[in-house]
Protein backbone atom coordinates (compact mmCIF):
# COMPACT_ATOMS: atom_id res chain seq x y z
CA MET A 1 -5.46 -6.29 -28.96
CA LYS A 2 -6.06 -2.92 -27.30
CA ILE A 3 -6.89 -0.20 -29.86
CA TRP A 4 -9.13 2.32 -28.10
CA GLY A 5 -6.22 4.56 -27.16
CA LYS A 6 -5.26 4.79 -30.83
CA VAL A 7 -8.84 5.44 -31.90
CA PHE A 8 -9.44 8.26 -29.42
CA GLY A 9 -5.94 9.66 -29.93
CA PHE A 10 -6.45 9.79 -33.71
CA ALA A 11 -9.91 11.40 -33.40
CA ILE A 12 -8.91 14.05 -30.87
CA GLY A 13 -5.66 14.79 -32.69
CA PHE A 14 -7.53 15.25 -35.99
CA MET A 15 -10.00 17.64 -34.37
CA PHE A 16 -7.26 19.95 -33.13
CA GLY A 17 -4.46 19.45 -35.64
CA ARG A 18 -5.90 17.78 -38.71
CA ILE A 19 -3.46 15.31 -40.32
CA PHE A 20 -0.41 16.18 -38.21
CA GLY A 21 -2.51 16.17 -35.03
CA ALA A 22 -4.08 12.84 -35.99
CA ILE A 23 -0.66 11.24 -36.49
CA LEU A 24 0.56 12.59 -33.15
CA GLY A 25 -2.66 11.46 -31.45
CA LEU A 26 -2.33 8.00 -33.00
CA TRP A 27 1.21 7.67 -31.68
CA LEU A 28 0.23 8.80 -28.16
CA GLY A 29 -2.75 6.45 -28.26
CA HIS A 30 -0.42 3.61 -29.22
CA LEU A 31 1.76 4.33 -26.19
CA TYR A 32 -1.34 4.36 -23.99
CA ASP A 33 -2.55 1.01 -25.37
CA LYS A 34 0.91 -0.49 -24.92
CA LYS A 35 1.05 0.61 -21.30
CA ARG A 36 -2.41 -0.81 -20.63
CA ALA A 37 -1.32 -4.12 -22.15
CA GLU A 38 1.75 -4.22 -19.89
CA LEU A 39 -0.36 -3.55 -16.82
CA SER A 40 -2.96 -6.19 -17.72
CA GLY A 41 -0.56 -8.91 -16.65
CA ILE A 42 -0.49 -7.44 -13.14
CA ILE A 43 -4.08 -6.25 -12.84
CA GLY A 44 -5.72 -9.26 -14.45
CA LYS A 45 -8.70 -9.71 -16.74
CA GLY A 46 -12.03 -8.33 -15.63
CA SER A 47 -10.19 -6.54 -12.86
CA ASN A 48 -11.95 -4.63 -10.12
CA ARG A 49 -10.62 -2.54 -7.28
CA GLN A 50 -10.08 -5.55 -5.00
CA THR A 51 -8.21 -7.50 -7.66
CA LEU A 52 -6.03 -4.49 -8.42
CA PHE A 53 -5.28 -3.90 -4.73
CA PHE A 54 -4.36 -7.55 -4.22
CA ASN A 55 -2.08 -7.88 -7.25
CA THR A 56 -0.48 -4.45 -6.88
CA THR A 57 0.30 -5.16 -3.22
CA PHE A 58 2.34 -8.27 -4.01
CA ALA A 59 3.90 -6.83 -7.18
CA VAL A 60 5.21 -3.76 -5.34
CA MET A 61 6.28 -6.01 -2.49
CA GLY A 62 8.38 -8.00 -4.96
CA HIS A 63 9.90 -4.79 -6.30
CA VAL A 64 10.80 -3.55 -2.80
CA ALA A 65 12.35 -6.94 -2.03
CA LYS A 66 14.56 -6.57 -5.12
CA ALA A 67 15.68 -3.09 -3.99
CA SER A 68 18.94 -4.33 -2.45
CA GLY A 69 19.96 -5.94 -5.75
CA HIS A 70 18.60 -9.43 -5.26
CA VAL A 71 15.73 -11.14 -3.47
CA THR A 72 17.00 -12.84 -0.32
CA GLU A 73 15.65 -15.84 1.54
CA THR A 74 14.44 -13.40 4.19
CA ASP A 75 12.44 -11.46 1.59
CA ILE A 76 10.79 -14.65 0.36
CA ARG A 77 10.09 -15.76 3.92
CA ILE A 78 8.45 -12.41 4.72
CA ALA A 79 6.24 -12.59 1.62
CA SER A 80 5.32 -16.21 2.42
CA ALA A 81 4.56 -15.25 6.03
CA LEU A 82 2.14 -12.57 4.82
CA MET A 83 0.46 -15.11 2.54
CA ASP A 84 0.19 -17.48 5.51
CA GLN A 85 -1.22 -14.72 7.68
CA LEU A 86 -3.86 -14.03 5.03
CA GLN A 87 -4.50 -17.79 4.77
CA LEU A 88 -3.94 -17.71 1.02
CA SER A 89 -4.10 -21.08 -0.69
CA GLY A 90 -4.84 -22.51 -4.12
CA GLN A 91 -5.33 -19.98 -6.91
CA ALA A 92 -5.21 -16.96 -4.57
CA ARG A 93 -1.73 -17.95 -3.39
CA ARG A 94 -0.56 -18.63 -6.93
CA ASP A 95 -1.85 -15.19 -8.00
CA ALA A 96 0.05 -13.56 -5.12
CA GLN A 97 3.25 -15.43 -6.02
CA SER A 98 2.86 -14.51 -9.69
CA ALA A 99 2.41 -10.82 -8.87
CA PHE A 100 5.42 -10.93 -6.52
CA ASN A 101 7.56 -12.45 -9.28
CA GLN A 102 6.40 -9.81 -11.79
CA GLY A 103 7.32 -7.07 -9.33
CA LYS A 104 10.88 -8.32 -8.92
CA ALA A 105 11.43 -8.60 -12.70
CA SER A 106 13.99 -6.21 -14.17
CA ASP A 107 11.45 -4.69 -16.59
CA PHE A 108 8.74 -4.05 -13.97
CA ASP A 109 7.30 -0.54 -14.40
CA LEU A 110 6.68 0.62 -10.84
CA ASN A 111 5.42 4.09 -11.79
CA ALA A 112 2.86 2.79 -14.27
CA CYS A 113 1.66 0.17 -11.79
CA LEU A 114 1.18 2.76 -9.04
CA LYS A 115 -0.54 5.24 -11.36
CA SER A 116 -3.05 2.60 -12.38
CA PHE A 117 -3.68 1.72 -8.73
CA ARG A 118 -4.09 5.36 -7.71
CA LEU A 119 -6.45 6.05 -10.62
CA LEU A 120 -8.77 3.20 -9.70
CA SER A 121 -8.54 4.10 -5.99
CA MET A 122 -9.21 7.81 -6.51
CA GLY A 123 -11.25 9.34 -3.70
CA ARG A 124 -10.50 6.44 -1.36
CA LYS A 125 -7.63 7.83 0.72
CA ASP A 126 -8.12 5.30 3.51
CA LEU A 127 -7.62 2.46 1.03
CA VAL A 128 -4.50 4.06 -0.46
CA GLN A 129 -3.03 4.60 3.00
CA MET A 130 -3.72 0.98 3.92
CA PHE A 131 -1.80 -0.07 0.80
CA LEU A 132 1.16 2.11 1.76
CA GLU A 133 1.10 0.82 5.34
CA ILE A 134 1.21 -2.78 4.10
CA GLN A 135 4.31 -1.96 2.03
CA ILE A 136 5.92 -0.30 5.06
CA GLN A 137 5.05 -3.25 7.26
CA THR A 138 6.52 -5.82 4.90
CA ALA A 139 9.65 -3.73 4.27
CA LEU A 140 10.27 -3.46 8.02
CA SER A 141 9.20 -6.98 8.96
CA ASP A 142 12.82 -7.93 9.61
CA GLY A 143 13.26 -4.86 11.82
CA GLU A 144 15.56 -3.14 9.32
CA LEU A 145 15.16 -0.69 6.44
CA ASP A 146 18.13 -0.08 4.19
CA ALA A 147 18.63 3.05 2.09
CA LYS A 148 17.45 1.47 -1.17
CA GLU A 149 14.26 0.14 0.41
CA HIS A 150 13.60 3.57 1.89
CA ALA A 151 14.15 5.19 -1.52
CA ILE A 152 11.56 2.93 -3.15
CA LEU A 153 9.08 3.47 -0.32
CA LEU A 154 9.57 7.21 -0.81
CA LEU A 155 8.87 6.82 -4.53
CA VAL A 156 5.76 4.76 -3.78
CA ALA A 157 4.54 7.32 -1.25
CA LYS A 158 5.13 10.21 -3.64
CA GLU A 159 3.25 8.49 -6.47
CA LEU A 160 0.33 7.91 -4.12
CA GLY A 161 0.24 11.56 -3.02
CA TYR A 162 2.20 11.38 0.25
CA SER A 163 5.08 13.67 1.21
CA ARG A 164 8.39 12.53 2.71
CA LEU A 165 7.24 13.92 6.06
CA GLN A 166 4.03 11.88 5.91
CA LEU A 167 5.97 8.75 4.99
CA ASP A 168 8.39 9.28 7.88
CA GLU A 169 5.43 9.66 10.23
CA LEU A 170 3.94 6.37 9.00
CA LEU A 171 7.34 4.70 9.36
CA LYS A 172 7.59 5.97 12.93
CA ARG A 173 4.11 4.69 13.74
CA TRP A 174 4.83 1.24 12.31
CA GLN A 175 8.13 1.00 14.16
CA ALA A 176 6.18 1.67 17.34
CA GLU A 177 3.75 -1.10 16.39
CA TYR A 178 6.70 -3.43 15.78
CA ASN A 179 7.99 -2.64 19.28
CA PHE A 180 4.45 -3.05 20.56
CA HIS A 181 4.33 -6.65 19.33
CA ARG A 182 7.81 -7.48 20.56
CA SER A 183 6.99 -6.24 24.04
CA GLY A 184 4.39 -8.98 24.43
CA GLY A 185 1.34 -7.03 25.55
CA GLN A 186 -0.19 -3.79 26.70
CA GLN A 187 1.32 -3.84 30.19
CA GLN A 188 4.88 -4.26 28.88
CA THR A 189 4.56 -1.71 26.07
CA SER A 190 6.37 1.58 26.59
CA ILE A 191 4.10 4.60 26.83
CA ALA A 192 6.24 6.32 24.18
CA ASP A 193 5.45 3.57 21.67
CA ALA A 194 1.76 3.75 22.54
CA TYR A 195 1.73 7.47 21.76
CA SER A 196 3.66 6.89 18.52
CA VAL A 197 1.13 4.30 17.32
CA LEU A 198 -1.51 7.01 17.68
CA GLY A 199 0.72 9.63 16.06
CA LEU A 200 0.78 11.66 19.28
CA THR A 201 3.10 12.83 22.05
CA GLU A 202 2.63 13.07 25.81
CA ALA A 203 2.17 16.83 25.37
CA ASP A 204 -1.14 16.35 23.54
CA SER A 205 -4.38 16.90 25.44
CA ASP A 206 -6.92 14.22 26.34
CA GLN A 207 -9.23 15.64 23.68
CA GLN A 208 -6.51 15.32 21.05
CA VAL A 209 -5.92 11.73 22.14
CA LYS A 210 -9.60 10.90 21.72
CA ARG A 211 -9.79 12.61 18.32
CA ALA A 212 -6.69 10.81 17.04
CA TYR A 213 -8.04 7.46 18.24
CA ARG A 214 -11.43 7.97 16.56
CA LYS A 215 -9.80 9.10 13.31
CA LEU A 216 -7.43 6.14 13.17
CA MET A 217 -10.16 3.64 13.98
CA ASN A 218 -12.37 5.14 11.29
CA GLU A 219 -9.52 4.96 8.74
CA HIS A 220 -8.76 1.32 9.57
CA HIS A 221 -12.27 -0.04 10.06
CA PRO A 222 -12.13 -3.46 8.30
CA ASP A 223 -15.69 -3.43 6.93
CA LYS A 224 -15.33 0.11 5.56
CA LEU A 225 -12.03 -0.72 3.89
CA VAL A 226 -13.46 -3.84 2.25
CA ALA A 227 -16.42 -1.81 1.00
CA LYS A 228 -13.96 0.67 -0.56
CA GLY A 229 -11.92 -2.04 -2.28
CA LEU A 230 -9.73 -3.86 0.24
CA PRO A 231 -9.66 -7.55 -0.77
CA ALA A 232 -11.58 -9.74 1.67
CA GLU A 233 -8.42 -11.84 2.02
CA MET A 234 -6.67 -8.81 3.52
CA MET A 235 -9.34 -7.98 6.08
CA GLU A 236 -7.20 -9.71 8.71
CA LEU A 237 -4.51 -7.04 8.27
CA ALA A 238 -7.06 -4.28 8.86
CA LYS A 239 -8.36 -6.10 11.95
CA LYS A 240 -4.83 -6.43 13.34
CA LYS A 241 -4.18 -2.75 12.70
CA ALA A 242 -7.39 -1.78 14.49
CA GLN A 243 -6.43 -4.03 17.44
CA ASP A 244 -3.03 -2.31 17.71
CA ILE A 245 -4.68 1.12 17.68
CA GLN A 246 -7.12 0.01 20.38
CA ALA A 247 -4.33 -1.45 22.53
CA ALA A 248 -2.26 1.73 22.21
CA TYR A 249 -5.26 3.86 23.13
CA ASP A 250 -6.01 1.69 26.16
CA ARG A 251 -2.38 2.01 27.27
CA VAL A 252 -2.48 5.82 26.96
CA LYS A 253 -5.84 6.02 28.78
CA GLN A 254 -4.48 3.88 31.59
CA ASP A 255 -1.39 6.05 31.92
CA ARG A 256 -3.46 9.27 31.98
CA GLY A 257 -6.28 7.92 34.12
CA MET A 258 -8.76 8.73 31.34
CA ARG A 259 -12.23 7.28 31.22
């Protein structure tokens, strides 16, 4: 039973408002304890940043999948494909499936889940962005994004401190990556998509291209992300992201004749 919210709420309330303040503080503390209890099912006992990242990823994924009104076979296949890509098996796969199911439940509290994740990830912007990019990637894995899915992604982005403009930029970059993969390799990839992966245009200078490349590689460095809280099981996603950035940069360099 979680009681510390009530204890602190009562004490602080009494200090500032005596009996009335204590009662108000006790009630607010009760709400806090209740919310923590609800989140414990998603975060898990003895949770750390990696556990929270892992469970929140699949819970929010389940919620996004439910956005259209019901979870389709395609949604389940996409989630399973990500689990396969991460080579999840045994307890790790069961944990991912459990979190996904909690996220698609009608009483899932998306805001509370995201606030908890953001609080524990405070000061680790690269980690938070990686989380948002995973949600974008899974939402667009079928090549489509309906209005309800976009609305939830916007809510997720806002709760994590991203504006609509920043979300749209990330969506544009991932769409370019999607095209990048479909094209079958660097030589077949359009130069426009290569620039979009880097968040650039052909009008940018060589120096801007180099700066953007270094920044993106630093943000998506697998070892750094794991040190900040990315689950080891998800390192493969960071590696793939870094490979896409490198391939796009190589394509732009080739087109410009850069060294």
